[in-house]
Amino acid sequence: MHPKSRWFNRLSIALALLPLALSLTSCVQYRLVQLSTQYLAYNIWFLDPDIIQGGGLKHQPYVLPIGTPVNNIKVHELDEGPYTESSERIQFSLAYNPEKVFTMWLEPKYYRNIDGTESLESVIERTFTDEPLEAQLKGFTDEEREFIRKGLVTPGMSKKAILKSWGYPPKKATRELDDPRWYYWLTRLKTAQLDFDKNDILTITTDYGKEIGKSSTVIDW
């Protein structure tokens, strides 16, 4: 057989099998972990609702605000994903619009402890809460509440307030919350460095001005 004919036959077989391969990769099995309504425990930015990056890029065009009611929380463990060979996923729906489904892709190196002991369930516990927005914002100053709602951080905010505004810093660069310096990814190539004093109050935001954040569209789903 001529080499070109052999190459063409192989290409034809590969193209014929492509729909089957795509259908198999799309058959993802999820395990239901929470059916009743919960609320987002921090702001979540995204570009595509089907692929929300668990590492938490902050400069994305859309945001699901803290306090958004959600339900049908499901998990899928250890499947090949677009960012890593062992991505895990958390899927949830909007409580007031069940057809709007969101999927978070979680890379273990970003959200787990260095020894791998942190479970997927613990990530769920810190991402969702049974407290609505006003209950979550109790105990914060007026300024902190304003910045949390806007998804921004600024010197003078406490670590707890920043967790509500930006969520948890990726474990890859910030091993423990007790660390005096936290790192967040703004884009794939740009990070924000947050330095805290001994009272866990933000003092310095390196190279990114007084207020770190970016205006994102809060979509009325």
N, C-alpha and C. Protein backbone atom coordinates (compact mmCIF):
# COMPACT_ATOMS: atom_id res chain seq x y z
N MET A 1 0.85 -1.20 0.00
CA MET A 1 0.00 0.00 0.00
C MET A 1 0.88 1.24 0.00
N HIS A 2 0.49 2.20 -0.81
CA HIS A 2 1.24 3.43 -0.88
C HIS A 2 1.20 4.15 0.48
N PRO A 3 2.34 4.74 0.91
CA PRO A 3 2.37 5.41 2.23
C PRO A 3 1.27 6.45 2.39
N LYS A 4 0.97 7.18 1.33
CA LYS A 4 -0.08 8.20 1.45
C LYS A 4 -1.43 7.57 1.67
N SER A 5 -1.68 6.42 1.02
CA SER A 5 -2.96 5.72 1.20
C SER A 5 -3.09 5.20 2.62
N ARG A 6 -1.98 4.65 3.18
CA ARG A 6 -1.98 4.15 4.55
C ARG A 6 -2.28 5.29 5.53
N TRP A 7 -1.64 6.44 5.30
CA TRP A 7 -1.87 7.60 6.18
C TRP A 7 -3.32 8.06 6.10
N PHE A 8 -3.89 8.07 4.89
CA PHE A 8 -5.28 8.51 4.70
C PHE A 8 -6.24 7.56 5.41
N ASN A 9 -5.96 6.24 5.32
CA ASN A 9 -6.84 5.27 5.98
C ASN A 9 -6.82 5.45 7.49
N ARG A 10 -5.62 5.70 8.06
CA ARG A 10 -5.52 5.91 9.49
C ARG A 10 -6.28 7.17 9.92
N LEU A 11 -6.15 8.22 9.10
CA LEU A 11 -6.86 9.46 9.40
C LEU A 11 -8.36 9.27 9.35
N SER A 12 -8.83 8.49 8.37
CA SER A 12 -10.26 8.23 8.23
C SER A 12 -10.81 7.48 9.44
N ILE A 13 -10.03 6.49 9.92
CA ILE A 13 -10.45 5.72 11.10
C ILE A 13 -10.50 6.62 12.33
N ALA A 14 -9.49 7.46 12.47
CA ALA A 14 -9.44 8.36 13.63
C ALA A 14 -10.63 9.31 13.63
N LEU A 15 -10.96 9.85 12.46
CA LEU A 15 -12.10 10.77 12.37
C LEU A 15 -13.41 10.04 12.64
N ALA A 16 -13.50 8.80 12.22
CA ALA A 16 -14.72 8.02 12.45
C ALA A 16 -14.92 7.73 13.93
N LEU A 17 -13.83 7.54 14.66
CA LEU A 17 -13.92 7.22 16.08
C LEU A 17 -14.05 8.45 16.96
N LEU A 18 -13.82 9.63 16.41
CA LEU A 18 -13.84 10.85 17.21
C LEU A 18 -15.17 11.09 17.92
N PRO A 19 -16.35 10.95 17.24
CA PRO A 19 -17.61 11.15 17.96
C PRO A 19 -17.78 10.22 19.14
N LEU A 20 -17.34 8.95 19.00
CA LEU A 20 -17.43 8.00 20.09
C LEU A 20 -16.57 8.43 21.26
N ALA A 21 -15.35 8.88 20.96
CA ALA A 21 -14.44 9.33 22.02
C ALA A 21 -15.02 10.52 22.76
N LEU A 22 -15.60 11.45 22.00
CA LEU A 22 -16.18 12.63 22.63
C LEU A 22 -17.36 12.26 23.50
N SER A 23 -18.17 11.30 23.06
CA SER A 23 -19.33 10.90 23.85
C SER A 23 -18.91 10.22 25.13
N LEU A 24 -17.83 9.44 25.08
CA LEU A 24 -17.36 8.76 26.27
C LEU A 24 -16.81 9.75 27.29
N THR A 25 -16.07 10.76 26.83
CA THR A 25 -15.49 11.74 27.75
C THR A 25 -16.55 12.64 28.34
N SER A 26 -17.71 12.77 27.65
CA SER A 26 -18.77 13.63 28.17
C SER A 26 -19.65 12.92 29.18
N CYS A 27 -19.55 11.58 29.27
CA CYS A 27 -20.36 10.81 30.21
C CYS A 27 -19.70 10.82 31.58
N VAL A 28 -19.88 11.91 32.28
CA VAL A 28 -19.25 12.07 33.58
C VAL A 28 -20.26 11.73 34.67
N GLN A 29 -19.86 10.88 35.59
CA GLN A 29 -20.73 10.46 36.68
C GLN A 29 -20.52 11.37 37.89
N TYR A 30 -21.61 11.97 38.36
CA TYR A 30 -21.54 12.84 39.53
C TYR A 30 -22.25 12.19 40.72
N ARG A 31 -21.76 12.50 41.90
CA ARG A 31 -22.36 12.01 43.14
C ARG A 31 -23.00 13.19 43.87
N LEU A 32 -24.28 13.08 44.16
CA LEU A 32 -25.00 14.16 44.84
C LEU A 32 -24.56 14.24 46.30
N VAL A 33 -24.18 15.43 46.73
CA VAL A 33 -23.75 15.61 48.12
C VAL A 33 -24.64 16.58 48.88
N GLN A 34 -25.39 17.42 48.17
CA GLN A 34 -26.27 18.37 48.85
C GLN A 34 -27.41 18.75 47.90
N LEU A 35 -28.63 18.40 48.30
CA LEU A 35 -29.79 18.69 47.46
C LEU A 35 -30.43 20.02 47.84
N SER A 36 -30.47 20.34 49.13
CA SER A 36 -31.15 21.54 49.60
C SER A 36 -30.35 22.80 49.27
N THR A 37 -30.99 23.94 49.42
CA THR A 37 -30.38 25.21 49.05
C THR A 37 -29.24 25.59 49.98
N GLN A 38 -28.12 25.98 49.35
CA GLN A 38 -26.97 26.54 50.04
C GLN A 38 -26.67 27.90 49.41
N TYR A 39 -25.66 28.59 49.94
CA TYR A 39 -25.29 29.90 49.43
C TYR A 39 -23.79 29.94 49.19
N LEU A 40 -23.39 30.64 48.12
CA LEU A 40 -21.96 30.77 47.87
C LEU A 40 -21.31 31.52 49.02
N ALA A 41 -20.17 31.01 49.46
CA ALA A 41 -19.47 31.59 50.61
C ALA A 41 -18.47 32.65 50.20
N TYR A 42 -18.29 32.88 48.91
CA TYR A 42 -17.41 33.93 48.41
C TYR A 42 -17.73 34.17 46.93
N ASN A 43 -17.20 35.25 46.39
CA ASN A 43 -17.41 35.56 44.97
C ASN A 43 -16.64 34.59 44.08
N ILE A 44 -17.27 34.15 43.01
CA ILE A 44 -16.64 33.21 42.08
C ILE A 44 -16.65 33.81 40.69
N TRP A 45 -15.46 33.99 40.12
CA TRP A 45 -15.32 34.56 38.78
C TRP A 45 -15.23 33.44 37.75
N PHE A 46 -15.69 33.75 36.53
CA PHE A 46 -15.63 32.72 35.49
C PHE A 46 -15.74 33.36 34.11
N LEU A 47 -15.33 32.61 33.12
CA LEU A 47 -15.52 32.95 31.71
C LEU A 47 -16.56 32.05 31.09
N ASP A 48 -16.46 30.75 31.41
CA ASP A 48 -17.37 29.74 30.88
C ASP A 48 -18.00 29.01 32.07
N PRO A 49 -19.32 28.99 32.21
CA PRO A 49 -19.95 28.32 33.35
C PRO A 49 -19.66 26.83 33.42
N ASP A 50 -19.28 26.21 32.28
CA ASP A 50 -18.97 24.79 32.26
C ASP A 50 -17.54 24.50 32.72
N ILE A 51 -16.69 25.52 32.74
CA ILE A 51 -15.30 25.32 33.14
C ILE A 51 -14.88 26.49 34.02
N ILE A 52 -15.32 26.46 35.28
CA ILE A 52 -14.88 27.46 36.24
C ILE A 52 -13.58 26.96 36.86
N GLN A 53 -12.53 27.73 36.72
CA GLN A 53 -11.23 27.27 37.19
C GLN A 53 -11.16 27.35 38.71
N GLY A 54 -10.95 26.19 39.33
CA GLY A 54 -10.91 26.12 40.78
C GLY A 54 -9.77 26.90 41.39
N GLY A 55 -8.70 27.14 40.60
CA GLY A 55 -7.60 27.93 41.11
C GLY A 55 -7.97 29.37 41.38
N GLY A 56 -9.05 29.84 40.73
CA GLY A 56 -9.61 31.12 41.08
C GLY A 56 -9.01 32.33 40.42
N LEU A 57 -9.00 32.39 39.08
CA LEU A 57 -8.53 33.60 38.40
C LEU A 57 -9.53 34.72 38.66
N LYS A 58 -9.01 35.88 39.13
CA LYS A 58 -9.90 36.96 39.54
C LYS A 58 -10.26 37.90 38.40
N HIS A 59 -9.45 37.96 37.36
CA HIS A 59 -9.75 38.85 36.25
C HIS A 59 -10.50 38.07 35.17
N GLN A 60 -11.78 37.82 35.44
CA GLN A 60 -12.67 37.15 34.50
C GLN A 60 -13.88 38.06 34.27
N PRO A 61 -14.55 37.92 33.14
CA PRO A 61 -15.61 38.89 32.81
C PRO A 61 -16.90 38.75 33.60
N TYR A 62 -17.15 37.56 34.20
CA TYR A 62 -18.41 37.35 34.90
C TYR A 62 -18.14 36.90 36.32
N VAL A 63 -19.13 37.14 37.19
CA VAL A 63 -18.97 36.75 38.59
C VAL A 63 -20.29 36.27 39.15
N LEU A 64 -20.22 35.18 39.91
CA LEU A 64 -21.34 34.74 40.74
C LEU A 64 -21.08 35.33 42.12
N PRO A 65 -21.91 36.25 42.59
CA PRO A 65 -21.61 36.95 43.84
C PRO A 65 -21.82 36.09 45.07
N ILE A 66 -21.09 36.42 46.11
CA ILE A 66 -21.26 35.79 47.40
C ILE A 66 -22.73 35.87 47.81
N GLY A 67 -23.24 34.79 48.39
CA GLY A 67 -24.63 34.76 48.81
C GLY A 67 -25.59 34.25 47.76
N THR A 68 -25.10 33.94 46.54
CA THR A 68 -25.97 33.40 45.51
C THR A 68 -26.55 32.06 45.97
N PRO A 69 -27.88 31.88 45.96
CA PRO A 69 -28.47 30.60 46.38
C PRO A 69 -28.29 29.52 45.31
N VAL A 70 -27.80 28.37 45.72
CA VAL A 70 -27.56 27.26 44.80
C VAL A 70 -28.07 25.97 45.42
N ASN A 71 -28.21 24.94 44.60
CA ASN A 71 -28.58 23.62 45.11
C ASN A 71 -28.07 22.54 44.16
N ASN A 72 -28.49 21.30 44.41
CA ASN A 72 -28.04 20.15 43.60
C ASN A 72 -26.52 20.12 43.47
N ILE A 73 -25.84 20.22 44.59
CA ILE A 73 -24.38 20.21 44.59
C ILE A 73 -23.89 18.77 44.42
N LYS A 74 -23.06 18.57 43.40
CA LYS A 74 -22.56 17.23 43.09
C LYS A 74 -21.05 17.26 42.94
N VAL A 75 -20.43 16.10 43.05
CA VAL A 75 -18.99 16.01 42.87
C VAL A 75 -18.66 14.88 41.90
N HIS A 76 -17.55 15.07 41.21
CA HIS A 76 -16.99 14.02 40.36
C HIS A 76 -15.50 13.99 40.63
N GLU A 77 -14.99 12.82 40.93
CA GLU A 77 -13.59 12.71 41.34
C GLU A 77 -12.74 12.06 40.26
N LEU A 78 -11.53 12.61 40.10
CA LEU A 78 -10.46 12.00 39.30
C LEU A 78 -10.88 11.59 37.90
N ASP A 79 -11.06 12.62 37.08
CA ASP A 79 -11.29 12.38 35.67
C ASP A 79 -10.34 13.29 34.90
N GLU A 80 -10.04 12.94 33.69
CA GLU A 80 -9.13 13.77 32.91
C GLU A 80 -9.81 15.07 32.51
N GLY A 81 -9.19 16.18 32.85
CA GLY A 81 -9.77 17.49 32.56
C GLY A 81 -8.87 18.32 31.67
N PRO A 82 -9.31 19.52 31.32
CA PRO A 82 -8.54 20.36 30.39
C PRO A 82 -7.28 20.97 31.01
N TYR A 83 -7.17 20.96 32.36
CA TYR A 83 -6.03 21.62 32.99
C TYR A 83 -5.06 20.65 33.63
N THR A 84 -5.50 19.43 33.89
CA THR A 84 -4.65 18.47 34.56
C THR A 84 -5.15 17.07 34.29
N GLU A 85 -4.31 16.08 34.52
CA GLU A 85 -4.73 14.71 34.29
C GLU A 85 -5.62 14.19 35.41
N SER A 86 -5.74 14.91 36.49
CA SER A 86 -6.54 14.42 37.62
C SER A 86 -7.44 15.53 38.17
N SER A 87 -8.16 16.20 37.29
CA SER A 87 -9.08 17.23 37.74
C SER A 87 -10.28 16.59 38.43
N GLU A 88 -10.74 17.24 39.47
CA GLU A 88 -11.98 16.86 40.11
C GLU A 88 -12.97 18.00 39.90
N ARG A 89 -14.24 17.72 40.05
CA ARG A 89 -15.24 18.71 39.70
C ARG A 89 -16.30 18.84 40.77
N ILE A 90 -16.80 20.05 40.92
CA ILE A 90 -17.97 20.33 41.73
C ILE A 90 -18.98 20.99 40.82
N GLN A 91 -20.18 20.45 40.79
CA GLN A 91 -21.23 20.98 39.93
C GLN A 91 -22.40 21.44 40.79
N PHE A 92 -23.01 22.56 40.41
CA PHE A 92 -24.16 23.06 41.16
C PHE A 92 -25.08 23.84 40.23
N SER A 93 -26.32 24.02 40.68
CA SER A 93 -27.32 24.77 39.91
C SER A 93 -27.76 25.98 40.71
N LEU A 94 -28.27 26.99 40.00
CA LEU A 94 -28.85 28.14 40.68
C LEU A 94 -30.20 27.72 41.25
N ALA A 95 -30.44 28.07 42.52
CA ALA A 95 -31.68 27.64 43.17
C ALA A 95 -32.91 28.22 42.50
N TYR A 96 -32.80 29.43 41.96
CA TYR A 96 -33.95 30.08 41.34
C TYR A 96 -34.00 29.87 39.83
N ASN A 97 -33.04 29.14 39.28
CA ASN A 97 -33.03 28.82 37.84
C ASN A 97 -32.25 27.53 37.65
N PRO A 98 -32.87 26.38 37.93
CA PRO A 98 -32.16 25.09 37.92
C PRO A 98 -31.50 24.73 36.60
N GLU A 99 -31.94 25.35 35.50
CA GLU A 99 -31.33 25.04 34.21
C GLU A 99 -29.93 25.63 34.08
N LYS A 100 -29.59 26.59 34.92
CA LYS A 100 -28.26 27.19 34.89
C LYS A 100 -27.33 26.37 35.79
N VAL A 101 -26.47 25.59 35.14
CA VAL A 101 -25.57 24.68 35.84
C VAL A 101 -24.14 25.17 35.69
N PHE A 102 -23.38 25.10 36.78
CA PHE A 102 -21.99 25.54 36.78
C PHE A 102 -21.09 24.40 37.23
N THR A 103 -19.91 24.33 36.64
CA THR A 103 -18.97 23.26 36.97
C THR A 103 -17.61 23.84 37.30
N MET A 104 -17.14 23.57 38.51
CA MET A 104 -15.81 23.99 38.94
C MET A 104 -14.83 22.85 38.71
N TRP A 105 -13.73 23.14 38.01
CA TRP A 105 -12.66 22.16 37.80
C TRP A 105 -11.57 22.42 38.82
N LEU A 106 -11.24 21.42 39.59
CA LEU A 106 -10.32 21.58 40.71
C LEU A 106 -9.05 20.78 40.48
N GLU A 107 -7.96 21.47 40.41
CA GLU A 107 -6.66 20.80 40.33
C GLU A 107 -6.15 20.58 41.74
N PRO A 108 -5.87 19.33 42.12
CA PRO A 108 -5.41 19.07 43.49
C PRO A 108 -4.23 19.92 43.92
N LYS A 109 -3.30 20.23 43.02
CA LYS A 109 -2.12 20.99 43.41
C LYS A 109 -2.48 22.41 43.82
N TYR A 110 -3.68 22.89 43.43
CA TYR A 110 -4.08 24.23 43.78
C TYR A 110 -4.90 24.28 45.07
N TYR A 111 -5.71 23.26 45.33
CA TYR A 111 -6.63 23.39 46.46
C TYR A 111 -6.36 22.42 47.60
N ARG A 112 -5.43 21.47 47.42
CA ARG A 112 -5.17 20.52 48.49
C ARG A 112 -3.88 20.86 49.24
N ASN A 113 -3.80 20.35 50.48
CA ASN A 113 -2.57 20.51 51.24
C ASN A 113 -1.44 19.80 50.54
N ILE A 114 -0.21 20.20 50.85
CA ILE A 114 0.95 19.61 50.19
C ILE A 114 1.05 18.11 50.45
N ASP A 115 0.51 17.64 51.59
CA ASP A 115 0.56 16.21 51.88
C ASP A 115 -0.66 15.47 51.32
N GLY A 116 -1.54 16.19 50.64
CA GLY A 116 -2.66 15.56 49.98
C GLY A 116 -3.78 15.12 50.90
N THR A 117 -3.80 15.61 52.14
CA THR A 117 -4.78 15.13 53.10
C THR A 117 -6.12 15.86 53.01
N GLU A 118 -6.16 17.00 52.36
CA GLU A 118 -7.42 17.75 52.31
C GLU A 118 -8.39 17.09 51.34
N SER A 119 -9.63 16.90 51.79
CA SER A 119 -10.61 16.18 50.99
C SER A 119 -11.41 17.13 50.11
N LEU A 120 -12.05 16.55 49.12
CA LEU A 120 -12.93 17.33 48.26
C LEU A 120 -14.11 17.86 49.06
N GLU A 121 -14.55 17.11 50.04
CA GLU A 121 -15.67 17.55 50.88
C GLU A 121 -15.32 18.82 51.66
N SER A 122 -14.08 18.95 52.08
CA SER A 122 -13.69 20.17 52.81
C SER A 122 -13.72 21.38 51.89
N VAL A 123 -13.42 21.18 50.61
CA VAL A 123 -13.53 22.27 49.64
C VAL A 123 -14.99 22.69 49.49
N ILE A 124 -15.88 21.71 49.47
CA ILE A 124 -17.31 22.01 49.37
C ILE A 124 -17.77 22.79 50.59
N GLU A 125 -17.31 22.40 51.77
CA GLU A 125 -17.72 23.07 53.01
C GLU A 125 -17.31 24.53 53.04
N ARG A 126 -16.19 24.89 52.44
CA ARG A 126 -15.75 26.28 52.47
C ARG A 126 -16.26 27.08 51.26
N THR A 127 -16.82 26.39 50.26
CA THR A 127 -17.35 27.06 49.08
C THR A 127 -18.83 27.39 49.25
N PHE A 128 -19.55 26.56 50.00
CA PHE A 128 -20.98 26.74 50.20
C PHE A 128 -21.29 26.82 51.70
N THR A 129 -22.36 27.52 52.02
CA THR A 129 -22.77 27.67 53.41
C THR A 129 -24.29 27.72 53.48
N ASP A 130 -24.85 27.45 54.66
CA ASP A 130 -26.29 27.56 54.82
C ASP A 130 -26.70 28.96 55.28
N GLU A 131 -25.75 29.89 55.34
CA GLU A 131 -26.04 31.26 55.75
C GLU A 131 -26.25 32.16 54.54
N PRO A 132 -27.38 32.87 54.47
CA PRO A 132 -27.57 33.84 53.38
C PRO A 132 -26.60 35.00 53.53
N LEU A 133 -26.59 35.89 52.54
CA LEU A 133 -25.57 36.93 52.47
C LEU A 133 -25.49 37.78 53.73
N GLU A 134 -26.60 38.31 54.20
CA GLU A 134 -26.55 39.22 55.35
C GLU A 134 -25.97 38.55 56.58
N ALA A 135 -26.26 37.28 56.76
CA ALA A 135 -25.70 36.55 57.90
C ALA A 135 -24.20 36.37 57.73
N GLN A 136 -23.76 36.15 56.49
CA GLN A 136 -22.32 35.99 56.25
C GLN A 136 -21.54 37.27 56.49
N LEU A 137 -22.18 38.42 56.28
CA LEU A 137 -21.48 39.70 56.40
C LEU A 137 -21.50 40.28 57.82
N LYS A 138 -22.17 39.61 58.74
CA LYS A 138 -22.19 40.09 60.12
C LYS A 138 -20.78 40.05 60.71
N GLY A 139 -20.44 41.08 61.47
CA GLY A 139 -19.14 41.12 62.13
C GLY A 139 -18.07 41.85 61.35
N PHE A 140 -18.35 42.18 60.09
CA PHE A 140 -17.39 42.93 59.29
C PHE A 140 -17.70 44.42 59.36
N THR A 141 -16.69 45.24 59.13
CA THR A 141 -16.90 46.69 59.10
C THR A 141 -17.70 47.07 57.86
N ASP A 142 -18.23 48.28 57.86
CA ASP A 142 -18.98 48.75 56.69
C ASP A 142 -18.10 48.75 55.45
N GLU A 143 -16.85 49.16 55.61
CA GLU A 143 -15.94 49.18 54.46
C GLU A 143 -15.67 47.78 53.95
N GLU A 144 -15.45 46.84 54.88
CA GLU A 144 -15.20 45.47 54.46
C GLU A 144 -16.41 44.89 53.72
N ARG A 145 -17.61 45.15 54.24
CA ARG A 145 -18.81 44.65 53.57
C ARG A 145 -18.92 45.21 52.15
N GLU A 146 -18.59 46.48 51.99
CA GLU A 146 -18.66 47.09 50.66
C GLU A 146 -17.68 46.42 49.70
N PHE A 147 -16.45 46.19 50.17
CA PHE A 147 -15.45 45.59 49.29
C PHE A 147 -15.76 44.12 49.02
N ILE A 148 -16.33 43.43 49.99
CA ILE A 148 -16.72 42.03 49.76
C ILE A 148 -17.77 41.96 48.66
N ARG A 149 -18.76 42.82 48.75
CA ARG A 149 -19.82 42.83 47.74
C ARG A 149 -19.27 43.15 46.36
N LYS A 150 -18.25 44.00 46.28
CA LYS A 150 -17.65 44.40 45.00
C LYS A 150 -16.59 43.42 44.52
N GLY A 151 -16.20 42.45 45.37
CA GLY A 151 -15.16 41.51 44.98
C GLY A 151 -13.79 42.12 44.94
N LEU A 152 -13.51 43.08 45.84
CA LEU A 152 -12.23 43.76 45.88
C LEU A 152 -11.55 43.52 47.22
N VAL A 153 -10.25 43.80 47.28
CA VAL A 153 -9.51 43.78 48.54
C VAL A 153 -8.71 45.08 48.63
N THR A 154 -8.48 45.52 49.87
CA THR A 154 -7.76 46.76 50.09
C THR A 154 -7.07 46.70 51.44
N PRO A 155 -5.95 47.40 51.62
CA PRO A 155 -5.30 47.43 52.94
C PRO A 155 -6.28 47.83 54.03
N GLY A 156 -6.16 47.18 55.17
CA GLY A 156 -7.07 47.41 56.28
C GLY A 156 -8.10 46.30 56.43
N MET A 157 -8.25 45.47 55.40
CA MET A 157 -9.20 44.35 55.48
C MET A 157 -8.57 43.19 56.25
N SER A 158 -9.39 42.46 56.96
CA SER A 158 -8.94 41.28 57.69
C SER A 158 -8.84 40.08 56.76
N LYS A 159 -8.13 39.06 57.21
CA LYS A 159 -8.05 37.83 56.43
C LYS A 159 -9.44 37.24 56.20
N LYS A 160 -10.29 37.27 57.24
CA LYS A 160 -11.63 36.71 57.11
C LYS A 160 -12.44 37.44 56.05
N ALA A 161 -12.27 38.76 55.97
CA ALA A 161 -12.99 39.53 54.95
C ALA A 161 -12.48 39.19 53.56
N ILE A 162 -11.19 39.00 53.42
CA ILE A 162 -10.62 38.67 52.11
C ILE A 162 -11.07 37.29 51.67
N LEU A 163 -11.21 36.36 52.60
CA LEU A 163 -11.73 35.04 52.25
C LEU A 163 -13.14 35.14 51.70
N LYS A 164 -13.93 36.06 52.22
CA LYS A 164 -15.29 36.25 51.73
C LYS A 164 -15.31 36.94 50.37
N SER A 165 -14.35 37.82 50.14
CA SER A 165 -14.31 38.54 48.87
C SER A 165 -13.71 37.68 47.76
N TRP A 166 -12.58 37.04 48.05
CA TRP A 166 -11.82 36.33 47.01
C TRP A 166 -11.78 34.82 47.18
N GLY A 167 -12.30 34.31 48.27
CA GLY A 167 -12.19 32.88 48.50
C GLY A 167 -10.81 32.52 49.03
N TYR A 168 -10.51 31.24 49.04
CA TYR A 168 -9.25 30.76 49.63
C TYR A 168 -8.10 30.85 48.64
N PRO A 169 -6.94 31.31 49.10
CA PRO A 169 -5.78 31.38 48.19
C PRO A 169 -5.36 29.97 47.78
N PRO A 170 -4.95 29.78 46.52
CA PRO A 170 -4.54 28.46 46.06
C PRO A 170 -3.41 27.89 46.91
N LYS A 171 -3.53 26.61 47.25
CA LYS A 171 -2.55 25.95 48.11
C LYS A 171 -1.17 25.86 47.47
N LYS A 172 -1.13 25.96 46.16
CA LYS A 172 0.17 25.83 45.48
C LYS A 172 1.16 26.88 45.95
N ALA A 173 0.66 28.10 46.24
CA ALA A 173 1.55 29.18 46.64
C ALA A 173 1.35 29.61 48.08
N THR A 174 0.20 29.30 48.67
CA THR A 174 -0.09 29.67 50.06
C THR A 174 -0.47 28.40 50.80
N ARG A 175 0.49 27.83 51.52
CA ARG A 175 0.27 26.52 52.14
C ARG A 175 -0.71 26.57 53.30
N GLU A 176 -0.62 27.62 54.11
CA GLU A 176 -1.45 27.71 55.30
C GLU A 176 -2.06 29.11 55.41
N LEU A 177 -3.27 29.19 55.96
CA LEU A 177 -3.90 30.49 56.14
C LEU A 177 -3.20 31.32 57.20
N ASP A 178 -2.41 30.69 58.05
CA ASP A 178 -1.65 31.43 59.06
C ASP A 178 -0.44 32.14 58.47
N ASP A 179 -0.10 31.83 57.22
CA ASP A 179 1.05 32.48 56.59
C ASP A 179 0.84 33.99 56.54
N PRO A 180 1.89 34.78 56.75
CA PRO A 180 1.75 36.24 56.70
C PRO A 180 1.67 36.79 55.28
N ARG A 181 1.82 35.93 54.30
CA ARG A 181 1.75 36.38 52.90
C ARG A 181 0.90 35.40 52.10
N TRP A 182 -0.09 35.94 51.40
CA TRP A 182 -0.96 35.13 50.55
C TRP A 182 -0.74 35.52 49.08
N TYR A 183 -0.98 34.53 48.20
CA TYR A 183 -0.90 34.79 46.76
C TYR A 183 -2.20 34.34 46.09
N TYR A 184 -2.66 35.19 45.18
CA TYR A 184 -3.82 34.86 44.35
C TYR A 184 -3.43 35.05 42.89
N TRP A 185 -4.08 34.27 42.02
CA TRP A 185 -3.90 34.47 40.59
C TRP A 185 -4.96 35.43 40.08
N LEU A 186 -4.52 36.51 39.44
CA LEU A 186 -5.44 37.42 38.77
C LEU A 186 -5.71 36.94 37.35
N THR A 187 -4.66 36.56 36.65
CA THR A 187 -4.73 35.91 35.35
C THR A 187 -3.77 34.73 35.41
N ARG A 188 -3.62 34.02 34.31
CA ARG A 188 -2.68 32.89 34.30
C ARG A 188 -1.24 33.34 34.45
N LEU A 189 -0.96 34.61 34.13
CA LEU A 189 0.41 35.10 34.16
C LEU A 189 0.63 36.18 35.22
N LYS A 190 -0.40 36.57 35.93
CA LYS A 190 -0.26 37.66 36.89
C LYS A 190 -0.82 37.25 38.25
N THR A 191 -0.02 37.48 39.29
CA THR A 191 -0.44 37.16 40.65
C THR A 191 -0.52 38.42 41.50
N ALA A 192 -1.28 38.32 42.57
CA ALA A 192 -1.35 39.39 43.56
C ALA A 192 -0.75 38.87 44.86
N GLN A 193 0.14 39.65 45.46
CA GLN A 193 0.77 39.28 46.73
C GLN A 193 0.16 40.13 47.83
N LEU A 194 -0.38 39.48 48.86
CA LEU A 194 -1.02 40.17 49.98
C LEU A 194 -0.23 39.92 51.24
N ASP A 195 0.23 40.97 51.90
CA ASP A 195 1.01 40.87 53.14
C ASP A 195 0.17 41.34 54.32
N PHE A 196 0.26 40.58 55.44
CA PHE A 196 -0.54 40.86 56.61
C PHE A 196 0.34 41.17 57.83
N ASP A 197 -0.21 41.95 58.75
CA ASP A 197 0.53 42.21 59.99
C ASP A 197 0.23 41.11 60.99
N LYS A 198 0.72 41.26 62.21
CA LYS A 198 0.58 40.21 63.22
C LYS A 198 -0.87 40.03 63.67
N ASN A 199 -1.73 41.00 63.35
CA ASN A 199 -3.15 40.89 63.69
C ASN A 199 -3.99 40.41 62.50
N ASP A 200 -3.32 39.91 61.48
CA ASP A 200 -3.98 39.39 60.28
C ASP A 200 -4.75 40.47 59.53
N ILE A 201 -4.24 41.69 59.54
CA ILE A 201 -4.82 42.78 58.78
C ILE A 201 -3.94 43.06 57.57
N LEU A 202 -4.55 43.20 56.42
CA LEU A 202 -3.80 43.44 55.18
C LEU A 202 -3.11 44.80 55.24
N THR A 203 -1.81 44.80 54.99
CA THR A 203 -1.03 46.04 55.04
C THR A 203 -0.50 46.46 53.68
N ILE A 204 -0.09 45.48 52.86
CA ILE A 204 0.54 45.79 51.58
C ILE A 204 -0.04 44.90 50.50
N THR A 205 -0.31 45.50 49.35
CA THR A 205 -0.69 44.74 48.17
C THR A 205 0.33 45.07 47.08
N THR A 206 1.23 44.17 46.85
CA THR A 206 2.40 44.43 46.02
C THR A 206 2.04 44.69 44.56
N ASP A 207 2.44 45.87 44.09
CA ASP A 207 2.40 46.23 42.66
C ASP A 207 1.00 46.39 42.08
N TYR A 208 -0.03 46.32 42.89
CA TYR A 208 -1.35 46.37 42.30
C TYR A 208 -2.22 47.49 42.88
N GLY A 209 -1.61 48.48 43.48
CA GLY A 209 -2.37 49.65 43.91
C GLY A 209 -3.15 49.42 45.18
N LYS A 210 -3.96 50.39 45.53
CA LYS A 210 -4.71 50.34 46.78
C LYS A 210 -5.80 49.28 46.76
N GLU A 211 -6.53 49.22 45.65
CA GLU A 211 -7.63 48.28 45.56
C GLU A 211 -7.33 47.26 44.47
N ILE A 212 -7.35 46.00 44.84
CA ILE A 212 -7.09 44.95 43.87
C ILE A 212 -8.41 44.34 43.44
N GLY A 213 -8.60 44.25 42.16
CA GLY A 213 -9.82 43.64 41.66
C GLY A 213 -10.11 44.15 40.27
N LYS A 214 -11.18 43.68 39.71
CA LYS A 214 -11.56 44.10 38.38
C LYS A 214 -13.07 44.05 38.28
N SER A 215 -13.66 45.06 37.67
CA SER A 215 -15.10 45.07 37.51
C SER A 215 -15.53 43.90 36.62
N SER A 216 -16.46 43.11 37.13
CA SER A 216 -17.00 41.98 36.37
C SER A 216 -18.50 42.12 36.32
N THR A 217 -19.09 41.53 35.29
CA THR A 217 -20.52 41.62 35.11
C THR A 217 -21.24 40.60 35.98
N VAL A 218 -22.14 41.09 36.83
CA VAL A 218 -23.00 40.20 37.61
C VAL A 218 -24.24 39.94 36.76
N ILE A 219 -24.33 38.73 36.23
CA ILE A 219 -25.40 38.42 35.28
C ILE A 219 -26.68 38.09 36.03
N ASP A 220 -27.78 38.65 35.56
CA ASP A 220 -29.09 38.34 36.09
C ASP A 220 -29.61 37.07 35.40
N TRP A 221 -29.31 35.93 36.00
CA TRP A 221 -29.67 34.67 35.39
C TRP A 221 -31.18 34.42 35.48
